[in-house]
Amino acid sequence: MDKKVIVARIEYLMKEKGITAYQLKENADISTTIYQWKKNAQRDKTRTPSLKSIEKICSFLGVSLAYFFSFDPVEQAEYMNSEIYKNLSCLNAEQKKLVLEIIDQFKAVNNQNKHTEQ
């Protein structure tokens, strides 16, 4: 896979999770940062971050490899929904009730925004 695609995906997920390159390097136990991978792109165009590094990055960011390598927005949504469901199934009844209340609050905000935009 193209190095630029891999690095772009890492950067996208970092932004999605609010993680800096320094936080990623320090917490994902990887030896280089994505900026070093980008900087060396001209010198070594075919070398990409190893699968082991990508696995560590995914683990730290809390995403599966399947989600990392999904580039279609519909597919990403499906993986995200499945990961949400997997995490919800581990909660007790009280925690699930709280999650539902939070979801209701999000829906109310979305409805307000729709009405404001019209």
N, C-alpha and C. Protein backbone atom coordinates (compact mmCIF):
# COMPACT_ATOMS: atom_id res chain seq x y z
N MET A 1 0.84 -1.17 0.00
CA MET A 1 0.00 0.00 0.00
C MET A 1 0.89 1.24 0.00
N ASP A 2 0.42 2.27 -0.63
CA ASP A 2 1.16 3.52 -0.75
C ASP A 2 1.41 4.15 0.62
N LYS A 3 2.65 4.53 0.82
CA LYS A 3 3.06 5.14 2.08
C LYS A 3 2.24 6.38 2.41
N LYS A 4 1.98 7.21 1.40
CA LYS A 4 1.22 8.43 1.64
C LYS A 4 -0.19 8.13 2.15
N VAL A 5 -0.78 7.07 1.65
CA VAL A 5 -2.13 6.67 2.08
C VAL A 5 -2.10 6.25 3.55
N ILE A 6 -1.10 5.45 3.92
CA ILE A 6 -0.98 4.96 5.30
C ILE A 6 -0.76 6.15 6.25
N VAL A 7 0.17 7.03 5.90
CA VAL A 7 0.47 8.18 6.75
C VAL A 7 -0.76 9.09 6.86
N ALA A 8 -1.45 9.29 5.74
CA ALA A 8 -2.66 10.12 5.76
C ALA A 8 -3.72 9.51 6.67
N ARG A 9 -3.84 8.19 6.64
CA ARG A 9 -4.83 7.52 7.50
C ARG A 9 -4.45 7.68 8.98
N ILE A 10 -3.17 7.54 9.28
CA ILE A 10 -2.72 7.72 10.66
C ILE A 10 -3.03 9.15 11.11
N GLU A 11 -2.72 10.12 10.26
CA GLU A 11 -2.98 11.52 10.61
C GLU A 11 -4.48 11.77 10.80
N TYR A 12 -5.30 11.18 9.93
CA TYR A 12 -6.75 11.34 10.05
C TYR A 12 -7.24 10.79 11.39
N LEU A 13 -6.78 9.59 11.75
CA LEU A 13 -7.22 8.98 13.01
C LEU A 13 -6.70 9.76 14.22
N MET A 14 -5.49 10.30 14.11
CA MET A 14 -4.97 11.12 15.21
C MET A 14 -5.86 12.34 15.40
N LYS A 15 -6.24 12.97 14.30
CA LYS A 15 -7.10 14.15 14.38
C LYS A 15 -8.46 13.75 14.95
N GLU A 16 -9.01 12.63 14.48
CA GLU A 16 -10.30 12.14 14.95
C GLU A 16 -10.29 11.90 16.46
N LYS A 17 -9.17 11.41 16.96
CA LYS A 17 -9.05 11.08 18.39
C LYS A 17 -8.44 12.21 19.22
N GLY A 18 -8.00 13.28 18.57
CA GLY A 18 -7.39 14.40 19.29
C GLY A 18 -6.03 14.05 19.88
N ILE A 19 -5.24 13.31 19.12
CA ILE A 19 -3.93 12.83 19.58
C ILE A 19 -2.82 13.54 18.80
N THR A 20 -1.77 13.97 19.49
CA THR A 20 -0.63 14.58 18.81
C THR A 20 0.36 13.49 18.39
N ALA A 21 1.27 13.85 17.49
CA ALA A 21 2.30 12.90 17.06
C ALA A 21 3.16 12.48 18.24
N TYR A 22 3.47 13.41 19.12
CA TYR A 22 4.27 13.09 20.30
C TYR A 22 3.55 12.09 21.19
N GLN A 23 2.25 12.32 21.43
CA GLN A 23 1.47 11.39 22.26
C GLN A 23 1.44 10.01 21.62
N LEU A 24 1.29 9.99 20.31
CA LEU A 24 1.27 8.71 19.60
C LEU A 24 2.59 7.98 19.78
N LYS A 25 3.69 8.67 19.53
CA LYS A 25 5.00 8.05 19.64
C LYS A 25 5.26 7.54 21.05
N GLU A 26 4.94 8.35 22.05
CA GLU A 26 5.21 7.98 23.43
C GLU A 26 4.33 6.84 23.94
N ASN A 27 3.07 6.82 23.53
CA ASN A 27 2.11 5.87 24.09
C ASN A 27 1.87 4.63 23.25
N ALA A 28 2.16 4.70 21.97
CA ALA A 28 1.92 3.53 21.12
C ALA A 28 3.15 2.65 21.03
N ASP A 29 4.23 3.07 21.69
CA ASP A 29 5.46 2.28 21.72
C ASP A 29 5.99 2.03 20.31
N ILE A 30 6.04 3.11 19.51
CA ILE A 30 6.63 3.01 18.18
C ILE A 30 7.92 3.81 18.18
N SER A 31 8.84 3.44 17.30
CA SER A 31 10.17 4.05 17.35
C SER A 31 10.27 5.36 16.59
N THR A 32 9.35 5.62 15.67
CA THR A 32 9.41 6.86 14.91
C THR A 32 8.04 7.50 14.89
N THR A 33 7.99 8.76 14.53
CA THR A 33 6.70 9.44 14.43
C THR A 33 6.26 9.46 12.98
N ILE A 34 5.02 9.78 12.76
CA ILE A 34 4.53 9.84 11.39
C ILE A 34 5.23 10.94 10.61
N TYR A 35 5.71 11.95 11.30
CA TYR A 35 6.41 13.02 10.59
C TYR A 35 7.75 12.54 10.06
N GLN A 36 8.40 11.66 10.79
CA GLN A 36 9.64 11.08 10.27
C GLN A 36 9.33 10.20 9.06
N TRP A 37 8.22 9.48 9.11
CA TRP A 37 7.85 8.66 7.95
C TRP A 37 7.60 9.55 6.74
N LYS A 38 6.92 10.68 6.96
CA LYS A 38 6.64 11.60 5.86
C LYS A 38 7.92 12.25 5.35
N LYS A 39 8.78 12.66 6.26
CA LYS A 39 10.00 13.36 5.89
C LYS A 39 10.90 12.47 5.02
N ASN A 40 10.93 11.20 5.32
CA ASN A 40 11.78 10.27 4.58
C ASN A 40 11.12 9.72 3.33
N ALA A 41 9.96 10.25 2.98
CA ALA A 41 9.22 9.73 1.83
C ALA A 41 10.02 9.80 0.54
N GLN A 42 10.75 10.87 0.32
CA GLN A 42 11.53 11.00 -0.92
C GLN A 42 12.71 10.03 -0.94
N ARG A 43 13.30 9.82 0.21
CA ARG A 43 14.47 8.94 0.28
C ARG A 43 14.09 7.48 0.09
N ASP A 44 12.96 7.08 0.64
CA ASP A 44 12.57 5.68 0.59
C ASP A 44 11.07 5.60 0.31
N LYS A 45 10.72 5.77 -0.96
CA LYS A 45 9.31 5.88 -1.35
C LYS A 45 8.50 4.62 -1.13
N THR A 46 9.12 3.46 -1.15
CA THR A 46 8.36 2.22 -1.06
C THR A 46 8.19 1.72 0.36
N ARG A 47 8.95 2.23 1.30
CA ARG A 47 8.88 1.76 2.68
C ARG A 47 7.72 2.42 3.41
N THR A 48 6.87 1.61 4.01
CA THR A 48 5.74 2.12 4.79
C THR A 48 5.92 1.71 6.25
N PRO A 49 5.17 2.33 7.15
CA PRO A 49 5.21 1.86 8.54
C PRO A 49 4.87 0.37 8.58
N SER A 50 5.57 -0.36 9.40
CA SER A 50 5.35 -1.81 9.46
C SER A 50 3.96 -2.12 10.00
N LEU A 51 3.48 -3.31 9.70
CA LEU A 51 2.18 -3.74 10.22
C LEU A 51 2.21 -3.76 11.74
N LYS A 52 3.35 -4.12 12.30
CA LYS A 52 3.48 -4.12 13.77
C LYS A 52 3.28 -2.71 14.33
N SER A 53 3.87 -1.70 13.66
CA SER A 53 3.68 -0.31 14.09
C SER A 53 2.23 0.10 13.93
N ILE A 54 1.62 -0.28 12.82
CA ILE A 54 0.22 0.06 12.59
C ILE A 54 -0.67 -0.60 13.64
N GLU A 55 -0.36 -1.85 14.00
CA GLU A 55 -1.12 -2.53 15.06
C GLU A 55 -1.01 -1.78 16.38
N LYS A 56 0.20 -1.32 16.72
CA LYS A 56 0.40 -0.58 17.96
C LYS A 56 -0.37 0.74 17.92
N ILE A 57 -0.34 1.39 16.78
CA ILE A 57 -1.07 2.66 16.62
C ILE A 57 -2.56 2.42 16.79
N CYS A 58 -3.07 1.37 16.14
CA CYS A 58 -4.50 1.04 16.25
C CYS A 58 -4.88 0.73 17.69
N SER A 59 -4.04 -0.03 18.36
CA SER A 59 -4.31 -0.38 19.76
C SER A 59 -4.39 0.88 20.61
N PHE A 60 -3.42 1.78 20.46
CA PHE A 60 -3.42 3.01 21.24
C PHE A 60 -4.63 3.88 20.92
N LEU A 61 -5.00 3.96 19.63
CA LEU A 61 -6.12 4.80 19.23
C LEU A 61 -7.47 4.13 19.47
N GLY A 62 -7.46 2.86 19.83
CA GLY A 62 -8.71 2.15 20.12
C GLY A 62 -9.52 1.81 18.89
N VAL A 63 -8.83 1.51 17.79
CA VAL A 63 -9.52 1.11 16.57
C VAL A 63 -8.97 -0.23 16.09
N SER A 64 -9.78 -0.94 15.35
CA SER A 64 -9.34 -2.22 14.81
C SER A 64 -8.53 -2.01 13.54
N LEU A 65 -7.77 -3.03 13.16
CA LEU A 65 -7.06 -2.97 11.89
C LEU A 65 -8.05 -2.86 10.73
N ALA A 66 -9.18 -3.52 10.86
CA ALA A 66 -10.21 -3.45 9.82
C ALA A 66 -10.67 -2.01 9.63
N TYR A 67 -10.87 -1.29 10.72
CA TYR A 67 -11.27 0.11 10.63
C TYR A 67 -10.15 0.95 10.03
N PHE A 68 -8.93 0.67 10.44
CA PHE A 68 -7.78 1.42 9.92
C PHE A 68 -7.70 1.31 8.40
N PHE A 69 -7.89 0.11 7.88
CA PHE A 69 -7.74 -0.12 6.45
C PHE A 69 -9.02 0.06 5.65
N SER A 70 -10.07 0.53 6.29
CA SER A 70 -11.30 0.82 5.54
C SER A 70 -11.28 2.29 5.13
N PHE A 71 -11.40 2.53 3.84
CA PHE A 71 -11.32 3.88 3.32
C PHE A 71 -12.66 4.38 2.79
N ASP A 72 -13.61 3.49 2.63
CA ASP A 72 -14.94 3.86 2.17
C ASP A 72 -15.74 4.38 3.37
N PRO A 73 -16.34 5.57 3.28
CA PRO A 73 -17.07 6.12 4.43
C PRO A 73 -18.19 5.21 4.95
N VAL A 74 -18.89 4.53 4.06
CA VAL A 74 -19.96 3.62 4.49
C VAL A 74 -19.36 2.45 5.26
N GLU A 75 -18.27 1.92 4.74
CA GLU A 75 -17.59 0.81 5.41
C GLU A 75 -17.05 1.26 6.77
N GLN A 76 -16.50 2.46 6.82
CA GLN A 76 -15.99 2.98 8.10
C GLN A 76 -17.12 3.10 9.12
N ALA A 77 -18.27 3.57 8.67
CA ALA A 77 -19.42 3.70 9.57
C ALA A 77 -19.84 2.34 10.09
N GLU A 78 -19.84 1.33 9.22
CA GLU A 78 -20.21 -0.02 9.65
C GLU A 78 -19.24 -0.56 10.69
N TYR A 79 -17.93 -0.36 10.46
CA TYR A 79 -16.94 -0.81 11.44
C TYR A 79 -17.09 -0.05 12.76
N MET A 80 -17.32 1.24 12.66
CA MET A 80 -17.49 2.05 13.87
C MET A 80 -18.71 1.57 14.65
N ASN A 81 -19.82 1.32 13.95
CA ASN A 81 -21.03 0.82 14.61
C ASN A 81 -20.77 -0.51 15.28
N SER A 82 -20.04 -1.38 14.61
CA SER A 82 -19.77 -2.69 15.19
C SER A 82 -18.86 -2.57 16.42
N GLU A 83 -17.90 -1.64 16.38
CA GLU A 83 -17.03 -1.44 17.54
C GLU A 83 -17.81 -0.83 18.71
N ILE A 84 -18.72 0.08 18.39
CA ILE A 84 -19.57 0.66 19.44
C ILE A 84 -20.41 -0.44 20.08
N TYR A 85 -21.02 -1.27 19.25
CA TYR A 85 -21.85 -2.36 19.77
C TYR A 85 -21.03 -3.30 20.64
N LYS A 86 -19.83 -3.64 20.18
CA LYS A 86 -18.97 -4.54 20.95
C LYS A 86 -18.67 -3.95 22.32
N ASN A 87 -18.39 -2.65 22.37
CA ASN A 87 -18.10 -1.99 23.64
C ASN A 87 -19.34 -1.86 24.51
N LEU A 88 -20.50 -1.62 23.90
CA LEU A 88 -21.73 -1.53 24.67
C LEU A 88 -22.09 -2.85 25.33
N SER A 89 -21.79 -3.94 24.65
CA SER A 89 -22.17 -5.26 25.20
C SER A 89 -21.42 -5.59 26.48
N CYS A 90 -20.34 -4.87 26.75
CA CYS A 90 -19.56 -5.10 27.98
C CYS A 90 -20.08 -4.29 29.17
N LEU A 91 -21.02 -3.40 28.93
CA LEU A 91 -21.51 -2.54 30.00
C LEU A 91 -22.63 -3.20 30.79
N ASN A 92 -22.79 -2.76 32.03
CA ASN A 92 -23.91 -3.26 32.83
C ASN A 92 -25.16 -2.44 32.49
N ALA A 93 -26.29 -2.82 33.04
CA ALA A 93 -27.57 -2.19 32.70
C ALA A 93 -27.58 -0.70 33.02
N GLU A 94 -27.04 -0.31 34.15
CA GLU A 94 -27.00 1.10 34.54
C GLU A 94 -26.17 1.92 33.56
N GLN A 95 -25.01 1.37 33.17
CA GLN A 95 -24.14 2.07 32.22
C GLN A 95 -24.82 2.20 30.86
N LYS A 96 -25.51 1.16 30.43
CA LYS A 96 -26.23 1.22 29.16
C LYS A 96 -27.32 2.28 29.19
N LYS A 97 -27.99 2.40 30.33
CA LYS A 97 -29.02 3.42 30.47
C LYS A 97 -28.42 4.81 30.33
N LEU A 98 -27.27 5.04 30.93
CA LEU A 98 -26.59 6.33 30.82
C LEU A 98 -26.18 6.62 29.38
N VAL A 99 -25.70 5.61 28.68
CA VAL A 99 -25.32 5.79 27.28
C VAL A 99 -26.54 6.18 26.45
N LEU A 100 -27.66 5.53 26.70
CA LEU A 100 -28.89 5.88 25.97
C LEU A 100 -29.32 7.32 26.25
N GLU A 101 -29.16 7.76 27.48
CA GLU A 101 -29.48 9.15 27.82
C GLU A 101 -28.57 10.12 27.06
N ILE A 102 -27.30 9.79 26.96
CA ILE A 102 -26.36 10.64 26.21
C ILE A 102 -26.74 10.66 24.73
N ILE A 103 -27.10 9.52 24.20
CA ILE A 103 -27.52 9.46 22.79
C ILE A 103 -28.75 10.33 22.57
N ASP A 104 -29.69 10.27 23.50
CA ASP A 104 -30.88 11.12 23.39
C ASP A 104 -30.50 12.60 23.38
N GLN A 105 -29.53 12.98 24.18
CA GLN A 105 -29.07 14.37 24.21
C GLN A 105 -28.45 14.76 22.87
N PHE A 106 -27.65 13.88 22.30
CA PHE A 106 -27.06 14.14 20.98
C PHE A 106 -28.14 14.31 19.92
N LYS A 107 -29.14 13.44 19.96
CA LYS A 107 -30.23 13.52 18.99
C LYS A 107 -30.98 14.84 19.13
N ALA A 108 -31.20 15.27 20.36
CA ALA A 108 -31.90 16.54 20.59
C ALA A 108 -31.10 17.70 20.02
N VAL A 109 -29.79 17.69 20.24
CA VAL A 109 -28.92 18.75 19.70
C VAL A 109 -28.96 18.72 18.17
N ASN A 110 -28.90 17.54 17.59
CA ASN A 110 -28.96 17.43 16.12
C ASN A 110 -30.28 17.96 15.58
N ASN A 111 -31.37 17.66 16.27
CA ASN A 111 -32.68 18.17 15.84
C ASN A 111 -32.73 19.69 15.94
N GLN A 112 -32.19 20.25 17.00
CA GLN A 112 -32.14 21.71 17.15
C GLN A 112 -31.33 22.34 16.03
N ASN A 113 -30.20 21.71 15.70
CA ASN A 113 -29.36 22.24 14.63
C ASN A 113 -30.06 22.19 13.28
N LYS A 114 -30.82 21.14 13.04
CA LYS A 114 -31.57 21.03 11.78
C LYS A 114 -32.59 22.14 11.66
N HIS A 115 -33.28 22.41 12.77
CA HIS A 115 -34.30 23.45 12.75
C HIS A 115 -33.68 24.83 12.61
N THR A 116 -32.51 25.03 13.20
CA THR A 116 -31.83 26.31 13.12
C THR A 116 -31.32 26.58 11.70
N GLU A 117 -30.87 25.53 11.02
CA GLU A 117 -30.33 25.66 9.66
C GLU A 117 -31.43 25.94 8.64
N GLN A 118 -32.66 25.58 8.94
CA GLN A 118 -33.74 25.74 7.96
C GLN A 118 -34.27 27.10 7.94
